[in-house]
Amino acid sequence: MFKFLLKVLLSGLAFCFIFPHINGIEFRGGFGTACFLAICFSLLLKIIELAVTLVGTIMTVASLGLALLVIIPLWICCFWLLPAAALWAVAGIFPDSLVIDGWWPAAQAGLVLLVVSLITGPVMKTVHAITGSKDR
């Protein structure tokens, strides 16, 4: 739970302070709005990841595994586009708070949120190691 709150707070800070500096992204609102958008982003990202995994599984089973020859290189090259797609979906749902003009700004902001996710993983492992907590 602490990891999720830390991720939401860091993502909210990214919405407030980093995204306005990316050309093509306009954020309107305060820190509360940014945290709400970060929660919506997390939920939509999970839904998109599940949908992509489901489609990949169906394609793999239907082709008796041959689809993996395409899916694995595509996943390695394009994994960073999933946060961009989720961010674009959030902008579509809440156009009064977040405006994204084009795919390239969404990809840049998606990379920022990917870095936030990468940061929260090792930080939480360190916190658990220091405190001796087993809750992950």
Protein backbone atom coordinates (compact mmCIF):
# COMPACT_ATOMS: atom_id res chain seq x y z
CA MET A 1 0.00 0.00 0.00
CA PHE A 2 2.87 2.35 0.83
CA LYS A 3 4.43 1.65 -2.56
CA PHE A 4 1.19 2.61 -4.32
CA LEU A 5 0.92 5.86 -2.32
CA LEU A 6 4.54 6.73 -3.07
CA LYS A 7 3.97 5.99 -6.75
CA VAL A 8 0.83 8.16 -6.80
CA LEU A 9 2.63 11.05 -5.08
CA LEU A 10 5.62 10.88 -7.44
CA SER A 11 3.33 10.60 -10.46
CA GLY A 12 1.32 13.56 -9.17
CA LEU A 13 4.52 15.58 -8.91
CA ALA A 14 5.36 14.56 -12.49
CA PHE A 15 1.91 15.73 -13.64
CA CYS A 16 2.33 19.08 -11.86
CA PHE A 17 5.95 19.93 -12.52
CA ILE A 18 7.41 17.84 -15.37
CA PHE A 19 4.54 17.47 -17.84
CA PRO A 20 4.00 21.23 -18.33
CA HIS A 21 7.60 21.45 -19.60
CA ILE A 22 6.96 18.87 -22.34
CA ASN A 23 5.87 20.56 -25.55
CA GLY A 24 2.38 19.41 -26.48
CA ILE A 25 1.15 18.62 -22.96
CA GLU A 26 -1.00 20.99 -20.97
CA PHE A 27 -1.99 20.22 -17.38
CA ARG A 28 -4.66 22.28 -15.62
CA GLY A 29 -5.25 21.79 -11.94
CA GLY A 30 -3.54 21.43 -8.61
CA PHE A 31 -1.75 18.64 -6.83
CA GLY A 32 -5.02 16.92 -5.84
CA THR A 33 -6.09 16.78 -9.47
CA ALA A 34 -2.65 15.45 -10.40
CA CYS A 35 -2.89 12.67 -7.80
CA PHE A 36 -6.38 11.78 -9.03
CA LEU A 37 -5.09 11.60 -12.62
CA ALA A 38 -2.16 9.47 -11.42
CA ILE A 39 -4.59 6.99 -9.83
CA CYS A 40 -6.65 6.91 -13.03
CA PHE A 41 -3.45 6.43 -15.02
CA SER A 42 -2.45 3.46 -12.83
CA LEU A 43 -5.84 1.81 -13.25
CA LEU A 44 -5.92 2.34 -17.00
CA LEU A 45 -2.36 1.08 -17.36
CA LYS A 46 -3.30 -2.16 -15.57
CA ILE A 47 -6.33 -2.58 -17.83
CA ILE A 48 -4.23 -1.96 -20.96
CA GLU A 49 -1.52 -4.37 -19.77
CA LEU A 50 -4.14 -7.06 -19.09
CA ALA A 51 -5.72 -6.52 -22.52
CA VAL A 52 -2.35 -6.73 -24.29
CA THR A 53 -1.45 -9.86 -22.33
CA LEU A 54 -4.80 -11.45 -23.13
CA VAL A 55 -4.49 -10.71 -26.85
CA GLY A 56 -0.92 -12.00 -26.87
CA THR A 57 -1.97 -15.19 -25.09
CA ILE A 58 -4.84 -15.81 -27.48
CA MET A 59 -2.58 -15.21 -30.48
CA THR A 60 0.07 -17.53 -29.06
CA VAL A 61 -2.38 -20.35 -28.38
CA ALA A 62 -4.16 -19.92 -31.72
CA SER A 63 -0.89 -20.05 -33.67
CA LEU A 64 0.58 -22.90 -31.58
CA GLY A 65 3.35 -20.62 -30.34
CA LEU A 66 4.44 -19.12 -33.66
CA ALA A 67 3.08 -15.70 -32.67
CA LEU A 68 5.82 -15.51 -30.04
CA LEU A 69 8.29 -14.91 -32.85
CA VAL A 70 6.54 -11.58 -33.39
CA ILE A 71 5.23 -10.80 -29.90
CA ILE A 72 8.52 -11.06 -27.99
CA PRO A 73 10.55 -8.66 -30.22
CA LEU A 74 7.56 -6.32 -30.35
CA TRP A 75 7.32 -6.37 -26.54
CA ILE A 76 11.05 -5.70 -26.16
CA CYS A 77 10.96 -2.75 -28.57
CA CYS A 78 7.61 -1.24 -27.59
CA PHE A 79 7.05 -1.87 -23.86
CA TRP A 80 7.47 1.84 -23.18
CA LEU A 81 4.44 2.68 -25.36
CA LEU A 82 1.96 1.17 -22.88
CA PRO A 83 2.29 4.07 -20.40
CA ALA A 84 1.90 6.49 -23.32
CA ALA A 85 -1.33 4.76 -24.38
CA ALA A 86 -2.67 4.87 -20.82
CA LEU A 87 -1.75 8.55 -20.51
CA TRP A 88 -3.47 9.30 -23.80
CA ALA A 89 -6.58 7.50 -22.49
CA VAL A 90 -6.51 9.60 -19.30
CA ALA A 91 -6.28 12.75 -21.42
CA GLY A 92 -9.25 11.56 -23.44
CA ILE A 93 -11.33 10.90 -20.33
CA PHE A 94 -10.39 14.15 -18.53
CA PRO A 95 -9.85 16.74 -21.29
CA ASP A 96 -10.42 19.66 -18.88
CA SER A 97 -7.42 18.63 -16.76
CA LEU A 98 -4.97 17.13 -19.26
CA VAL A 99 -4.46 17.91 -22.94
CA ILE A 100 -1.98 15.96 -25.06
CA ASP A 101 -1.32 17.14 -28.62
CA GLY A 102 0.14 14.18 -30.45
CA TRP A 103 1.74 10.84 -29.91
CA TRP A 104 5.30 12.06 -29.31
CA PRO A 105 4.47 14.16 -26.20
CA ALA A 106 2.46 11.20 -24.84
CA ALA A 107 5.46 8.92 -25.38
CA GLN A 108 7.78 11.35 -23.60
CA ALA A 109 5.41 11.66 -20.64
CA GLY A 110 4.97 7.87 -20.64
CA LEU A 111 8.73 7.50 -20.32
CA VAL A 112 8.69 9.88 -17.34
CA LEU A 113 6.01 7.76 -15.65
CA LEU A 114 7.95 4.60 -16.52
CA VAL A 115 10.97 6.07 -14.72
CA VAL A 116 8.73 6.83 -11.72
CA SER A 117 7.69 3.16 -11.67
CA LEU A 118 11.30 2.04 -11.91
CA ILE A 119 12.27 4.35 -9.04
CA THR A 120 9.53 3.20 -6.70
CA GLY A 121 10.47 -0.49 -7.05
CA PRO A 122 14.06 -0.30 -5.71
CA VAL A 123 13.17 2.40 -3.18
CA MET A 124 10.50 0.18 -1.65
CA LYS A 125 12.86 -2.81 -1.55
CA THR A 126 15.34 -0.65 0.35
CA VAL A 127 12.65 0.55 2.77
CA HIS A 128 11.54 -3.03 3.40
CA ALA A 129 15.13 -4.12 3.95
CA ILE A 130 15.75 -1.32 6.45
CA THR A 131 12.51 -1.76 8.36
CA GLY A 132 12.49 -5.56 8.16
CA SER A 133 8.93 -5.51 6.83
CA LYS A 134 7.68 -8.46 4.79
CA ASP A 135 4.71 -6.59 3.23
CA ARG A 136 5.39 -6.01 -0.47
